[in-house]
Amino acid sequence: MIDIMRIVIYLVCFLLAGYALSGIDFEKIMKRGHTIHIQILYLLLSMGIGYLVAQFILGLSLNYIM
């Protein structure tokens, strides 16, 4: 049961990070015409931020559960 909760938390945090990053216009930051690079950066940033937020939430919740 706890493993399913962890997976759900990771997925929700990944989706929220992707949604938050959609507000940033990466076309202004990077060179024009490099859309594949921008998409890869977008994916990696959303995975990294989602992982960090999920770890933070799981760390807090495990301290209060145990």
PDB file of N, CA and C in Angstrom:
ATOM      1  N   MET A   1       0.811  -1.198   0.000  1.00  0.00           N
ATOM      2  CA  MET A   1       0.000   0.000   0.000  1.00  0.00           C
ATOM      3  C   MET A   1       0.856   1.264   0.000  1.00  0.00           C
ATOM      4  N   ILE A   2       1.924   1.239   0.780  1.00  0.00           N
ATOM      5  CA  ILE A   2       2.802   2.409   0.857  1.00  0.00           C
ATOM      6  C   ILE A   2       3.530   2.610  -0.467  1.00  0.00           C
ATOM      7  N   ASP A   3       3.880   1.510  -1.149  1.00  0.00           N
ATOM      8  CA  ASP A   3       4.559   1.632  -2.447  1.00  0.00           C
ATOM      9  C   ASP A   3       3.664   2.301  -3.482  1.00  0.00           C
ATOM     10  N   ILE A   4       2.389   1.990  -3.452  1.00  0.00           N
ATOM     11  CA  ILE A   4       1.457   2.618  -4.393  1.00  0.00           C
ATOM     12  C   ILE A   4       1.348   4.109  -4.094  1.00  0.00           C
ATOM     13  N   MET A   5       1.320   4.458  -2.817  1.00  0.00           N
ATOM     14  CA  MET A   5       1.261   5.874  -2.435  1.00  0.00           C
ATOM     15  C   MET A   5       2.503   6.614  -2.907  1.00  0.00           C
ATOM     16  N   ARG A   6       3.652   5.991  -2.788  1.00  0.00           N
ATOM     17  CA  ARG A   6       4.899   6.629  -3.238  1.00  0.00           C
ATOM     18  C   ARG A   6       4.872   6.876  -4.737  1.00  0.00           C
ATOM     19  N   ILE A   7       4.409   5.902  -5.510  1.00  0.00           N
ATOM     20  CA  ILE A   7       4.334   6.061  -6.960  1.00  0.00           C
ATOM     21  C   ILE A   7       3.370   7.172  -7.329  1.00  0.00           C
ATOM     22  N   VAL A   8       2.229   7.220  -6.652  1.00  0.00           N
ATOM     23  CA  VAL A   8       1.240   8.266  -6.931  1.00  0.00           C
ATOM     24  C   VAL A   8       1.818   9.643  -6.594  1.00  0.00           C
ATOM     25  N   ILE A   9       2.532   9.753  -5.492  1.00  0.00           N
ATOM     26  CA  ILE A   9       3.135  11.036  -5.106  1.00  0.00           C
ATOM     27  C   ILE A   9       4.168  11.467  -6.139  1.00  0.00           C
ATOM     28  N   TYR A  10       4.997  10.536  -6.608  1.00  0.00           N
ATOM     29  CA  TYR A  10       5.986  10.866  -7.636  1.00  0.00           C
ATOM     30  C   TYR A  10       5.307  11.333  -8.928  1.00  0.00           C
ATOM     31  N   LEU A  11       4.261  10.650  -9.343  1.00  0.00           N
ATOM     32  CA  LEU A  11       3.572  11.030 -10.575  1.00  0.00           C
ATOM     33  C   LEU A  11       2.894  12.393 -10.453  1.00  0.00           C
ATOM     34  N   VAL A  12       2.251  12.627  -9.320  1.00  0.00           N
ATOM     35  CA  VAL A  12       1.585  13.914  -9.118  1.00  0.00           C
ATOM     36  C   VAL A  12       2.604  15.048  -9.087  1.00  0.00           C
ATOM     37  N   CYS A  13       3.710  14.844  -8.420  1.00  0.00           N
ATOM     38  CA  CYS A  13       4.744  15.877  -8.363  1.00  0.00           C
ATOM     39  C   CYS A  13       5.372  16.117  -9.734  1.00  0.00           C
ATOM     40  N   PHE A  14       5.559  15.072 -10.506  1.00  0.00           N
ATOM     41  CA  PHE A  14       6.076  15.212 -11.867  1.00  0.00           C
ATOM     42  C   PHE A  14       5.125  16.023 -12.729  1.00  0.00           C
ATOM     43  N   LEU A  15       3.836  15.728 -12.640  1.00  0.00           N
ATOM     44  CA  LEU A  15       2.848  16.467 -13.426  1.00  0.00           C
ATOM     45  C   LEU A  15       2.741  17.924 -12.982  1.00  0.00           C
ATOM     46  N   LEU A  16       2.800  18.156 -11.672  1.00  0.00           N
ATOM     47  CA  LEU A  16       2.741  19.531 -11.175  1.00  0.00           C
ATOM     48  C   LEU A  16       3.975  20.330 -11.594  1.00  0.00           C
ATOM     49  N   ALA A  17       5.132  19.693 -11.580  1.00  0.00           N
ATOM     50  CA  ALA A  17       6.348  20.387 -12.012  1.00  0.00           C
ATOM     51  C   ALA A  17       6.276  20.704 -13.504  1.00  0.00           C
ATOM     52  N   GLY A  18       5.758  19.781 -14.297  1.00  0.00           N
ATOM     53  CA  GLY A  18       5.581  20.038 -15.725  1.00  0.00           C
ATOM     54  C   GLY A  18       4.607  21.167 -15.972  1.00  0.00           C
ATOM     55  N   TYR A  19       3.540  21.209 -15.193  1.00  0.00           N
ATOM     56  CA  TYR A  19       2.557  22.284 -15.327  1.00  0.00           C
ATOM     57  C   TYR A  19       3.169  23.629 -14.926  1.00  0.00           C
ATOM     58  N   ALA A  20       3.960  23.628 -13.868  1.00  0.00           N
ATOM     59  CA  ALA A  20       4.591  24.870 -13.431  1.00  0.00           C
ATOM     60  C   ALA A  20       5.619  25.364 -14.450  1.00  0.00           C
ATOM     61  N   LEU A  21       6.351  24.443 -15.063  1.00  0.00           N
ATOM     62  CA  LEU A  21       7.353  24.834 -16.055  1.00  0.00           C
ATOM     63  C   LEU A  21       6.732  25.292 -17.371  1.00  0.00           C
ATOM     64  N   SER A  22       5.472  24.968 -17.579  1.00  0.00           N
ATOM     65  CA  SER A  22       4.829  25.405 -18.812  1.00  0.00           C
ATOM     66  C   SER A  22       4.641  26.923 -18.840  1.00  0.00           C
ATOM     67  N   GLY A  23       4.762  27.565 -17.704  1.00  0.00           N
ATOM     68  CA  GLY A  23       4.645  29.019 -17.639  1.00  0.00           C
ATOM     69  C   GLY A  23       5.908  29.748 -18.065  1.00  0.00           C
ATOM     70  N   ILE A  24       6.997  29.025 -18.240  1.00  0.00           N
ATOM     71  CA  ILE A  24       8.269  29.635 -18.635  1.00  0.00           C
ATOM     72  C   ILE A  24       8.420  29.517 -20.145  1.00  0.00           C
ATOM     73  N   ASP A  25       8.793  30.611 -20.788  1.00  0.00           N
ATOM     74  CA  ASP A  25       8.994  30.613 -22.235  1.00  0.00           C
ATOM     75  C   ASP A  25      10.463  30.302 -22.517  1.00  0.00           C
ATOM     76  N   PHE A  26      10.746  29.036 -22.812  1.00  0.00           N
ATOM     77  CA  PHE A  26      12.115  28.612 -23.055  1.00  0.00           C
ATOM     78  C   PHE A  26      12.637  29.080 -24.413  1.00  0.00           C
ATOM     79  N   GLU A  27      11.743  29.494 -25.295  1.00  0.00           N
ATOM     80  CA  GLU A  27      12.166  30.011 -26.601  1.00  0.00           C
ATOM     81  C   GLU A  27      12.990  31.283 -26.450  1.00  0.00           C
ATOM     82  N   LYS A  28      12.705  32.075 -25.433  1.00  0.00           N
ATOM     83  CA  LYS A  28      13.457  33.308 -25.208  1.00  0.00           C
ATOM     84  C   LYS A  28      14.834  33.025 -24.608  1.00  0.00           C
ATOM     85  N   ILE A  29      14.939  31.958 -23.857  1.00  0.00           N
ATOM     86  CA  ILE A  29      16.192  31.634 -23.179  1.00  0.00           C
ATOM     87  C   ILE A  29      17.163  30.930 -24.122  1.00  0.00           C
ATOM     88  N   MET A  30      16.659  30.003 -24.926  1.00  0.00           N
ATOM     89  CA  MET A  30      17.518  29.202 -25.794  1.00  0.00           C
ATOM     90  C   MET A  30      17.429  29.701 -27.234  1.00  0.00           C
ATOM     91  N   LYS A  31      18.281  29.176 -28.065  1.00  0.00           N
ATOM     92  CA  LYS A  31      18.301  29.565 -29.472  1.00  0.00           C
ATOM     93  C   LYS A  31      17.045  29.082 -30.177  1.00  0.00           C
ATOM     94  N   ARG A  32      16.613  29.866 -31.132  1.00  0.00           N
ATOM     95  CA  ARG A  32      15.427  29.487 -31.913  1.00  0.00           C
ATOM     96  C   ARG A  32      15.782  28.319 -32.843  1.00  0.00           C
ATOM     97  N   GLY A  33      14.802  27.462 -33.064  1.00  0.00           N
ATOM     98  CA  GLY A  33      15.004  26.329 -33.955  1.00  0.00           C
ATOM     99  C   GLY A  33      15.526  25.080 -33.266  1.00  0.00           C
ATOM    100  N   HIS A  34      15.815  25.166 -31.998  1.00  0.00           N
ATOM    101  CA  HIS A  34      16.297  24.001 -31.251  1.00  0.00           C
ATOM    102  C   HIS A  34      15.165  23.440 -30.389  1.00  0.00           C
ATOM    103  N   THR A  35      14.071  23.113 -31.024  1.00  0.00           N
ATOM    104  CA  THR A  35      12.899  22.684 -30.260  1.00  0.00           C
ATOM    105  C   THR A  35      13.124  21.350 -29.560  1.00  0.00           C
ATOM    106  N   ILE A  36      13.881  20.442 -30.166  1.00  0.00           N
ATOM    107  CA  ILE A  36      14.117  19.144 -29.525  1.00  0.00           C
ATOM    108  C   ILE A  36      14.949  19.324 -28.252  1.00  0.00           C
ATOM    109  N   HIS A  37      15.895  20.257 -28.273  1.00  0.00           N
ATOM    110  CA  HIS A  37      16.693  20.533 -27.083  1.00  0.00           C
ATOM    111  C   HIS A  37      15.830  21.144 -25.979  1.00  0.00           C
ATOM    112  N   ILE A  38      14.940  22.011 -26.363  1.00  0.00           N
ATOM    113  CA  ILE A  38      14.047  22.642 -25.391  1.00  0.00           C
ATOM    114  C   ILE A  38      13.116  21.606 -24.779  1.00  0.00           C
ATOM    115  N   GLN A  39      12.608  20.683 -25.581  1.00  0.00           N
ATOM    116  CA  GLN A  39      11.723  19.652 -25.064  1.00  0.00           C
ATOM    117  C   GLN A  39      12.453  18.711 -24.115  1.00  0.00           C
ATOM    118  N   ILE A  40      13.702  18.373 -24.444  1.00  0.00           N
ATOM    119  CA  ILE A  40      14.488  17.510 -23.558  1.00  0.00           C
ATOM    120  C   ILE A  40      14.784  18.229 -22.245  1.00  0.00           C
ATOM    121  N   LEU A  41      15.147  19.506 -22.323  1.00  0.00           N
ATOM    122  CA  LEU A  41      15.383  20.287 -21.112  1.00  0.00           C
ATOM    123  C   LEU A  41      14.124  20.376 -20.269  1.00  0.00           C
ATOM    124  N   TYR A  42      12.995  20.605 -20.906  1.00  0.00           N
ATOM    125  CA  TYR A  42      11.712  20.689 -20.222  1.00  0.00           C
ATOM    126  C   TYR A  42      11.412  19.384 -19.492  1.00  0.00           C
ATOM    127  N   LEU A  43      11.621  18.261 -20.154  1.00  0.00           N
ATOM    128  CA  LEU A  43      11.369  16.955 -19.551  1.00  0.00           C
ATOM    129  C   LEU A  43      12.301  16.695 -18.374  1.00  0.00           C
ATOM    130  N   LEU A  44      13.599  16.979 -18.559  1.00  0.00           N
ATOM    131  CA  LEU A  44      14.565  16.729 -17.483  1.00  0.00           C
ATOM    132  C   LEU A  44      14.321  17.629 -16.281  1.00  0.00           C
ATOM    133  N   LEU A  45      14.002  18.893 -16.536  1.00  0.00           N
ATOM    134  CA  LEU A  45      13.714  19.800 -15.426  1.00  0.00           C
ATOM    135  C   LEU A  45      12.460  19.372 -14.667  1.00  0.00           C
ATOM    136  N   SER A  46      11.435  18.963 -15.372  1.00  0.00           N
ATOM    137  CA  SER A  46      10.218  18.547 -14.689  1.00  0.00           C
ATOM    138  C   SER A  46      10.435  17.248 -13.911  1.00  0.00           C
ATOM    139  N   MET A  47      11.257  16.347 -14.440  1.00  0.00           N
ATOM    140  CA  MET A  47      11.567  15.125 -13.694  1.00  0.00           C
ATOM    141  C   MET A  47      12.381  15.439 -12.449  1.00  0.00           C
ATOM    142  N   GLY A  48      13.376  16.313 -12.582  1.00  0.00           N
ATOM    143  CA  GLY A  48      14.217  16.650 -11.445  1.00  0.00           C
ATOM    144  C   GLY A  48      13.459  17.380 -10.358  1.00  0.00           C
ATOM    145  N   ILE A  49      12.683  18.376 -10.739  1.00  0.00           N
ATOM    146  CA  ILE A  49      11.910  19.133  -9.748  1.00  0.00           C
ATOM    147  C   ILE A  49      10.847  18.240  -9.114  1.00  0.00           C
ATOM    148  N   GLY A  50      10.186  17.414  -9.923  1.00  0.00           N
ATOM    149  CA  GLY A  50       9.180  16.494  -9.390  1.00  0.00           C
ATOM    150  C   GLY A  50       9.782  15.513  -8.400  1.00  0.00           C
ATOM    151  N   TYR A  51      10.968  15.004  -8.705  1.00  0.00           N
ATOM    152  CA  TYR A  51      11.641  14.070  -7.791  1.00  0.00           C
ATOM    153  C   TYR A  51      11.990  14.746  -6.469  1.00  0.00           C
ATOM    154  N   LEU A  52      12.535  15.951  -6.546  1.00  0.00           N
ATOM    155  CA  LEU A  52      12.915  16.651  -5.327  1.00  0.00           C
ATOM    156  C   LEU A  52      11.710  16.986  -4.451  1.00  0.00           C
ATOM    157  N   VAL A  53      10.645  17.429  -5.059  1.00  0.00           N
ATOM    158  CA  VAL A  53       9.434  17.754  -4.299  1.00  0.00           C
ATOM    159  C   VAL A  53       8.835  16.493  -3.689  1.00  0.00           C
ATOM    160  N   ALA A  54       8.818  15.401  -4.439  1.00  0.00           N
ATOM    161  CA  ALA A  54       8.285  14.142  -3.916  1.00  0.00           C
ATOM    162  C   ALA A  54       9.122  13.643  -2.747  1.00  0.00           C
ATOM    163  N   GLN A  55      10.434  13.741  -2.860  1.00  0.00           N
ATOM    164  CA  GLN A  55      11.302  13.331  -1.755  1.00  0.00           C
ATOM    165  C   GLN A  55      11.034  14.172  -0.509  1.00  0.00           C
ATOM    166  N   PHE A  56      10.815  15.463  -0.712  1.00  0.00           N
ATOM    167  CA  PHE A  56      10.511  16.352   0.408  1.00  0.00           C
ATOM    168  C   PHE A  56       9.199  15.953   1.069  1.00  0.00           C
ATOM    169  N   ILE A  57       8.172  15.709   0.272  1.00  0.00           N
ATOM    170  CA  ILE A  57       6.860  15.328   0.814  1.00  0.00           C
ATOM    171  C   ILE A  57       6.933  13.979   1.515  1.00  0.00           C
ATOM    172  N   LEU A  58       7.621  13.030   0.896  1.00  0.00           N
ATOM    173  CA  LEU A  58       7.741  11.702   1.519  1.00  0.00           C
ATOM    174  C   LEU A  58       8.565  11.766   2.797  1.00  0.00           C
ATOM    175  N   GLY A  59       9.593  12.596   2.818  1.00  0.00           N
ATOM    176  CA  GLY A  59      10.385  12.753   4.035  1.00  0.00           C
ATOM    177  C   GLY A  59       9.574  13.337   5.174  1.00  0.00           C
ATOM    178  N   LEU A  60       8.747  14.296   4.864  1.00  0.00           N
ATOM    179  CA  LEU A  60       7.892  14.877   5.905  1.00  0.00           C
ATOM    180  C   LEU A  60       6.845  13.887   6.375  1.00  0.00           C
ATOM    181  N   SER A  61       6.225  13.192   5.442  1.00  0.00           N
ATOM    182  CA  SER A  61       5.139  12.283   5.816  1.00  0.00           C
ATOM    183  C   SER A  61       5.667  11.071   6.593  1.00  0.00           C
ATOM    184  N   LEU A  62       6.834  10.577   6.231  1.00  0.00           N
ATOM    185  CA  LEU A  62       7.380   9.424   6.953  1.00  0.00           C
ATOM    186  C   LEU A  62       7.771   9.789   8.374  1.00  0.00           C
ATOM    187  N   ASN A  63       8.193  11.025   8.610  1.00  0.00           N
ATOM    188  CA  ASN A  63       8.524  11.443   9.970  1.00  0.00           C
ATOM    189  C   ASN A  63       7.288  11.499  10.844  1.00  0.00           C
ATOM    190  N   TYR A  64       6.140  11.855  10.286  1.00  0.00           N
ATOM    191  CA  TYR A  64       4.930  11.956  11.079  1.00  0.00           C
ATOM    192  C   TYR A  64       4.207  10.631  11.212  1.00  0.00           C
ATOM    193  N   ILE A  65       4.387   9.727  10.241  1.00  0.00           N
ATOM    194  CA  ILE A  65       3.738   8.417  10.317  1.00  0.00           C
ATOM    195  C   ILE A  65       4.457   7.516  11.306  1.00  0.00           C
ATOM    196  N   MET A  66       5.775   7.507  11.263  1.00  0.00           N
ATOM    197  CA  MET A  66       6.560   6.622  12.118  1.00  0.00           C
ATOM    198  C   MET A  66       6.638   7.218  13.465  1.00  0.00           C
TER     199      MET A  66
END
